[in-house]
Amino acid sequence: MAGGDRIVSALAGHLQDYLRMRRGLGFALTRIDNNLQRFVACLDAAGERTVTVELAVAWAQLPANIKPITVCFRLSAVRGFARYLHAVDPANQIPPPGLLAVPRRRPEPHVYSAGELALLLATARRLRPPLRAATHQALIGLLASCGMRVGEALALTRDDVGLADGVITIRHAKFDRVRLVPLHPSVTAALRDYATTRDRLCPAPRTDRYFLSCRGCALRREEAERIFRTIAVGIGLRTDTARPRIHDYADIRVMPTSAKGAVASRVIIAFRSA
């Protein structure tokens, strides 16, 4: 058992070094961290000194009814760690790419028409209580106008939204970088109106986040997505065959320039008219 403790301590030390290196490169690694900690604990229980393909596959497939996509994600996490370990000790095996892979097809983003956007915003405005209506109308309008990620928008604090100069500062964008998002004047005006309504309805919030829940707390992503689905179903936009998502707005940024400009124009018009 003592020998096992020393082995596990060595693997755990390598894992911490590996995670520290990856985070230094800008990766968050929350899920990967948790999975690799469990993997190292599994090696500890088995008294294993090195990573093998057989051990990695056996661990990734636990328990028996686990989803294939989860197995694929776990094995991918182990593969990265195993590459690092292999450089330290070639006895560590690297699970080959493609092993237990699951074909993944990215859902095609829904390109919202001006009429759909106007209807989404108008329906959000009728939500109750009034703070929920104001928050979701402003959030949907911002996402559609700027192509921000949902997580980025929900993480905004009051200081991050520059209403005076019309610029939003995203503190932790992809790869933990700072990103500036210029706003159209109509979007700035709408966010200013939201701030006025928000502060009137909730003068003593429990957070400094820009977008508040109806309880005065930070709006959680789960709630934002649930409310959006409810609105989309209610107006007939989301059906059994069509499932637009709240984060489809972010794909505006990766469209060809001409298409992006056309969509952005429709979004601004819809946001202003709401």
Protein backbone atom coordinates (compact mmCIF):
# COMPACT_ATOMS: atom_id res chain seq x y z
CA MET A 1 0.00 0.00 0.00
CA ALA A 2 2.88 2.36 0.79
CA GLY A 3 4.34 1.75 -2.63
CA GLY A 4 0.96 2.42 -4.16
CA ASP A 5 0.76 5.72 -2.30
CA ARG A 6 4.13 6.78 -3.72
CA ILE A 7 3.08 5.80 -7.25
CA VAL A 8 -0.20 7.67 -7.01
CA SER A 9 1.54 10.70 -5.54
CA ALA A 10 3.89 10.73 -8.54
CA LEU A 11 1.00 10.49 -11.00
CA ALA A 12 -0.96 13.12 -9.09
CA GLY A 13 2.08 15.39 -9.19
CA HIS A 14 2.38 14.94 -12.95
CA LEU A 15 -1.34 15.64 -13.29
CA GLN A 16 -1.07 18.91 -11.38
CA ASP A 17 1.90 19.95 -13.53
CA TYR A 18 -0.04 19.06 -16.67
CA LEU A 19 -3.14 21.00 -15.62
CA ARG A 20 -1.02 23.97 -14.56
CA MET A 21 0.66 24.03 -17.96
CA ARG A 22 -2.66 23.83 -19.84
CA ARG A 23 -4.25 26.57 -17.74
CA GLY A 24 -1.21 28.73 -18.41
CA LEU A 25 -2.08 28.42 -22.09
CA GLY A 26 -5.60 29.73 -21.42
CA PHE A 27 -7.66 26.53 -21.08
CA ALA A 28 -10.31 26.39 -18.34
CA LEU A 29 -10.24 22.57 -18.01
CA THR A 30 -13.01 22.29 -15.41
CA ARG A 31 -14.52 19.06 -16.75
CA ILE A 32 -11.15 17.69 -17.86
CA ASP A 33 -9.71 18.36 -14.40
CA ASN A 34 -12.52 16.43 -12.71
CA ASN A 35 -12.26 13.51 -15.12
CA LEU A 36 -8.50 13.19 -14.86
CA GLN A 37 -8.64 13.32 -11.07
CA ARG A 38 -11.02 10.38 -11.20
CA PHE A 39 -8.79 8.57 -13.68
CA VAL A 40 -5.75 8.94 -11.43
CA ALA A 41 -7.82 7.71 -8.48
CA CYS A 42 -8.75 4.65 -10.56
CA LEU A 43 -5.07 3.96 -11.24
CA ASP A 44 -4.44 4.35 -7.51
CA ALA A 45 -7.08 1.74 -6.70
CA ALA A 46 -5.59 -0.66 -9.27
CA GLY A 47 -2.02 -0.06 -8.08
CA GLU A 48 -0.91 0.80 -11.61
CA ARG A 49 2.34 2.64 -12.29
CA THR A 50 1.70 3.80 -15.86
CA VAL A 51 -1.12 4.67 -18.22
CA THR A 52 -2.03 1.96 -20.71
CA VAL A 53 -4.58 1.96 -23.49
CA GLU A 54 -6.39 -0.93 -21.84
CA LEU A 55 -6.70 0.94 -18.52
CA ALA A 56 -7.80 4.14 -20.21
CA VAL A 57 -10.51 2.39 -22.21
CA ALA A 58 -11.75 0.39 -19.23
CA TRP A 59 -12.04 3.53 -17.09
CA ALA A 60 -13.66 5.61 -19.84
CA GLN A 61 -16.42 3.01 -20.26
CA LEU A 62 -17.48 2.98 -16.59
CA PRO A 63 -20.27 2.52 -15.63
CA ALA A 64 -21.75 0.05 -18.11
CA ASN A 65 -24.64 2.27 -19.25
CA ILE A 66 -22.55 5.38 -19.92
CA LYS A 67 -23.29 7.34 -23.08
CA PRO A 68 -20.84 6.85 -26.00
CA ILE A 69 -20.25 10.61 -26.28
CA THR A 70 -19.14 10.68 -22.63
CA VAL A 71 -16.77 7.77 -23.24
CA CYS A 72 -15.30 9.68 -26.18
CA PHE A 73 -14.84 12.83 -24.09
CA ARG A 74 -13.20 10.95 -21.21
CA LEU A 75 -10.79 9.13 -23.50
CA SER A 76 -9.89 12.40 -25.20
CA ALA A 77 -9.04 13.91 -21.81
CA VAL A 78 -6.85 10.91 -20.93
CA ARG A 79 -5.16 11.07 -24.35
CA GLY A 80 -3.89 14.59 -23.71
CA PHE A 81 -2.58 13.66 -20.27
CA ALA A 82 -1.02 10.46 -21.64
CA ARG A 83 0.90 12.45 -24.27
CA TYR A 84 2.35 14.55 -21.48
CA LEU A 85 3.24 11.46 -19.43
CA HIS A 86 4.77 9.73 -22.45
CA ALA A 87 7.24 12.60 -22.78
CA VAL A 88 8.24 12.03 -19.15
CA ASP A 89 8.24 8.23 -19.34
CA PRO A 90 7.81 6.42 -22.71
CA ALA A 91 6.31 3.45 -20.85
CA ASN A 92 3.04 5.41 -20.72
CA GLN A 93 0.81 4.53 -23.66
CA ILE A 94 -1.21 7.07 -25.64
CA PRO A 95 -4.73 5.99 -26.68
CA PRO A 96 -4.76 6.33 -30.48
CA PRO A 97 -6.93 9.05 -32.05
CA GLY A 98 -10.27 7.73 -33.24
CA LEU A 99 -10.47 5.00 -30.62
CA LEU A 100 -14.11 4.80 -29.41
CA ALA A 101 -14.83 7.98 -31.36
CA VAL A 102 -18.43 9.05 -31.86
CA PRO A 103 -19.39 10.79 -35.13
CA ARG A 104 -20.55 14.28 -34.28
CA ARG A 105 -22.48 16.60 -36.54
CA ARG A 106 -22.72 20.19 -35.46
CA PRO A 107 -26.35 21.38 -35.66
CA GLU A 108 -26.86 23.91 -38.42
CA PRO A 109 -27.46 27.35 -36.85
CA HIS A 110 -30.79 29.01 -37.39
CA VAL A 111 -30.56 32.37 -39.19
CA TYR A 112 -33.32 34.49 -37.70
CA SER A 113 -35.38 36.73 -39.96
CA ALA A 114 -36.24 40.28 -38.93
CA GLY A 115 -39.81 39.17 -38.29
CA GLU A 116 -38.72 36.28 -36.06
CA LEU A 117 -36.43 38.54 -34.06
CA ALA A 118 -39.12 41.15 -33.61
CA LEU A 119 -41.55 38.46 -32.44
CA LEU A 120 -39.02 37.00 -30.01
CA LEU A 121 -38.37 40.42 -28.48
CA ALA A 122 -42.05 41.36 -28.32
CA THR A 123 -42.91 38.06 -26.62
CA ALA A 124 -40.05 38.44 -24.14
CA ARG A 125 -41.42 41.88 -23.26
CA ARG A 126 -44.70 40.24 -22.13
CA LEU A 127 -43.05 37.87 -19.65
CA ARG A 128 -43.84 38.18 -15.95
CA PRO A 129 -42.66 39.44 -13.56
CA PRO A 130 -41.52 42.70 -15.23
CA LEU A 131 -37.83 42.22 -14.33
CA ARG A 132 -37.79 38.86 -16.09
CA ALA A 133 -39.33 40.48 -19.16
CA ALA A 134 -36.81 43.32 -19.21
CA THR A 135 -33.84 41.01 -18.67
CA HIS A 136 -34.69 38.49 -21.38
CA GLN A 137 -35.67 41.11 -23.92
CA ALA A 138 -32.34 42.88 -23.41
CA LEU A 139 -30.35 39.64 -23.39
CA ILE A 140 -31.89 38.29 -26.59
CA GLY A 141 -31.44 41.64 -28.29
CA LEU A 142 -27.79 41.87 -27.25
CA LEU A 143 -26.96 38.34 -28.37
CA ALA A 144 -28.64 38.87 -31.72
CA SER A 145 -27.02 42.25 -32.31
CA CYS A 146 -23.45 41.39 -31.32
CA GLY A 147 -23.04 37.64 -31.83
CA MET A 148 -21.69 37.23 -28.30
CA ARG A 149 -21.63 33.84 -26.62
CA VAL A 150 -24.33 33.27 -24.04
CA GLY A 151 -21.79 32.66 -21.29
CA GLU A 152 -19.96 35.87 -22.16
CA ALA A 153 -23.14 37.92 -21.95
CA LEU A 154 -24.25 36.39 -18.65
CA ALA A 155 -20.80 36.96 -17.11
CA LEU A 156 -20.89 40.71 -17.83
CA THR A 157 -20.74 42.98 -14.81
CA ARG A 158 -22.04 46.54 -14.70
CA ASP A 159 -18.51 47.86 -15.17
CA ASP A 160 -18.07 45.72 -18.30
CA VAL A 161 -20.92 47.45 -20.17
CA GLY A 162 -19.67 50.86 -21.24
CA LEU A 163 -22.85 52.80 -22.01
CA ALA A 164 -20.94 56.08 -22.32
CA ASP A 165 -18.63 54.92 -25.12
CA GLY A 166 -20.81 52.10 -26.48
CA VAL A 167 -18.28 49.31 -25.92
CA ILE A 168 -18.60 46.05 -23.98
CA THR A 169 -15.50 44.53 -22.37
CA ILE A 170 -15.45 40.75 -22.21
CA ARG A 171 -12.92 39.89 -19.50
CA HIS A 172 -12.58 36.17 -20.11
CA ALA A 173 -13.18 35.47 -23.79
CA LYS A 174 -11.93 32.36 -25.55
CA PHE A 175 -8.44 31.38 -24.35
CA ASP A 176 -8.99 33.75 -21.39
CA ARG A 177 -8.36 36.85 -23.49
CA VAL A 178 -9.93 40.28 -23.14
CA ARG A 179 -12.17 41.22 -26.06
CA LEU A 180 -13.88 44.54 -26.86
CA VAL A 181 -17.30 44.52 -28.54
CA PRO A 182 -18.44 47.81 -30.10
CA LEU A 183 -22.19 48.45 -29.94
CA HIS A 184 -24.55 49.96 -32.45
CA PRO A 185 -26.14 53.14 -30.98
CA SER A 186 -29.56 51.47 -30.93
CA VAL A 187 -28.15 48.60 -28.89
CA THR A 188 -26.48 50.99 -26.45
CA ALA A 189 -29.78 52.83 -26.03
CA ALA A 190 -31.65 49.57 -25.42
CA LEU A 191 -29.10 48.45 -22.81
CA ARG A 192 -29.35 51.84 -21.12
CA ASP A 193 -33.14 51.50 -20.97
CA TYR A 194 -32.73 48.03 -19.48
CA ALA A 195 -30.34 49.32 -16.82
CA THR A 196 -32.83 52.01 -15.84
CA THR A 197 -35.69 49.51 -15.61
CA ARG A 198 -33.53 46.94 -13.82
CA ASP A 199 -32.39 49.41 -11.16
CA ARG A 200 -35.93 50.65 -10.61
CA LEU A 201 -37.35 47.14 -10.21
CA CYS A 202 -34.39 45.80 -8.20
CA PRO A 203 -32.67 48.67 -6.35
CA ALA A 204 -30.69 46.30 -4.09
CA PRO A 205 -29.41 43.38 -6.25
CA ARG A 206 -27.42 40.51 -4.79
CA THR A 207 -24.79 40.65 -7.54
CA ASP A 208 -22.92 43.09 -9.75
CA ARG A 209 -23.82 41.13 -12.91
CA TYR A 210 -25.47 43.20 -15.61
CA PHE A 211 -28.30 40.76 -16.33
CA LEU A 212 -30.41 39.88 -13.29
CA SER A 213 -32.88 37.13 -12.59
CA CYS A 214 -36.27 38.07 -11.21
CA ARG A 215 -34.85 37.36 -7.73
CA GLY A 216 -32.09 39.94 -8.12
CA CYS A 217 -29.37 37.30 -8.55
CA ALA A 218 -27.10 36.60 -11.50
CA LEU A 219 -29.08 35.11 -14.38
CA ARG A 220 -28.02 31.48 -14.85
CA ARG A 221 -27.52 29.98 -18.28
CA GLU A 222 -30.00 27.19 -17.57
CA GLU A 223 -32.72 29.74 -16.86
CA ALA A 224 -31.87 31.84 -19.91
CA GLU A 225 -32.05 28.80 -22.19
CA ARG A 226 -35.27 27.55 -20.58
CA ILE A 227 -37.02 30.91 -21.02
CA PHE A 228 -35.82 31.14 -24.63
CA ARG A 229 -37.17 27.67 -25.41
CA THR A 230 -40.51 28.61 -23.84
CA ILE A 231 -40.73 31.74 -25.97
CA ALA A 232 -39.64 29.93 -29.15
CA VAL A 233 -42.22 27.17 -28.63
CA GLY A 234 -44.95 29.68 -27.81
CA ILE A 235 -44.50 31.59 -31.06
CA GLY A 236 -44.15 28.42 -33.16
CA LEU A 237 -40.47 28.98 -33.91
CA ARG A 238 -39.35 25.79 -32.16
CA THR A 239 -41.04 22.58 -33.30
CA ASP A 240 -40.28 18.87 -33.49
CA THR A 241 -38.23 19.44 -36.64
CA ALA A 242 -36.93 23.00 -36.10
CA ARG A 243 -35.01 23.69 -32.93
CA PRO A 244 -33.37 27.12 -32.95
CA ARG A 245 -31.15 27.75 -29.94
CA ILE A 246 -30.35 30.89 -28.02
CA HIS A 247 -26.65 30.57 -28.89
CA ASP A 248 -27.32 30.37 -32.65
CA TYR A 249 -26.84 34.15 -32.60
CA ALA A 250 -23.12 33.65 -32.01
CA ASP A 251 -22.75 32.01 -35.43
CA ILE A 252 -23.50 35.37 -37.07
CA ARG A 253 -19.83 36.16 -36.49
CA VAL A 254 -18.57 33.24 -38.56
CA MET A 255 -20.77 33.82 -41.61
CA PRO A 256 -19.30 35.23 -44.85
CA THR A 257 -18.95 39.01 -44.66
CA SER A 258 -21.85 39.83 -47.00
CA ALA A 259 -24.27 37.50 -45.19
CA LYS A 260 -23.10 38.72 -41.80
CA GLY A 261 -23.78 42.32 -42.74
CA ALA A 262 -27.28 41.51 -43.95
CA VAL A 263 -28.14 39.59 -40.78
CA ALA A 264 -26.68 42.28 -38.52
CA SER A 265 -28.78 44.92 -40.26
CA ARG A 266 -31.97 42.90 -39.72
CA VAL A 267 -31.05 42.34 -36.08
CA ILE A 268 -30.50 46.04 -35.38
CA ILE A 269 -33.79 46.96 -37.04
CA ALA A 270 -35.64 44.34 -34.99
CA PHE A 271 -33.99 45.40 -31.73
CA ARG A 272 -34.82 49.04 -32.36
CA SER A 273 -38.45 48.29 -33.26
CA ALA A 274 -38.96 46.25 -30.08
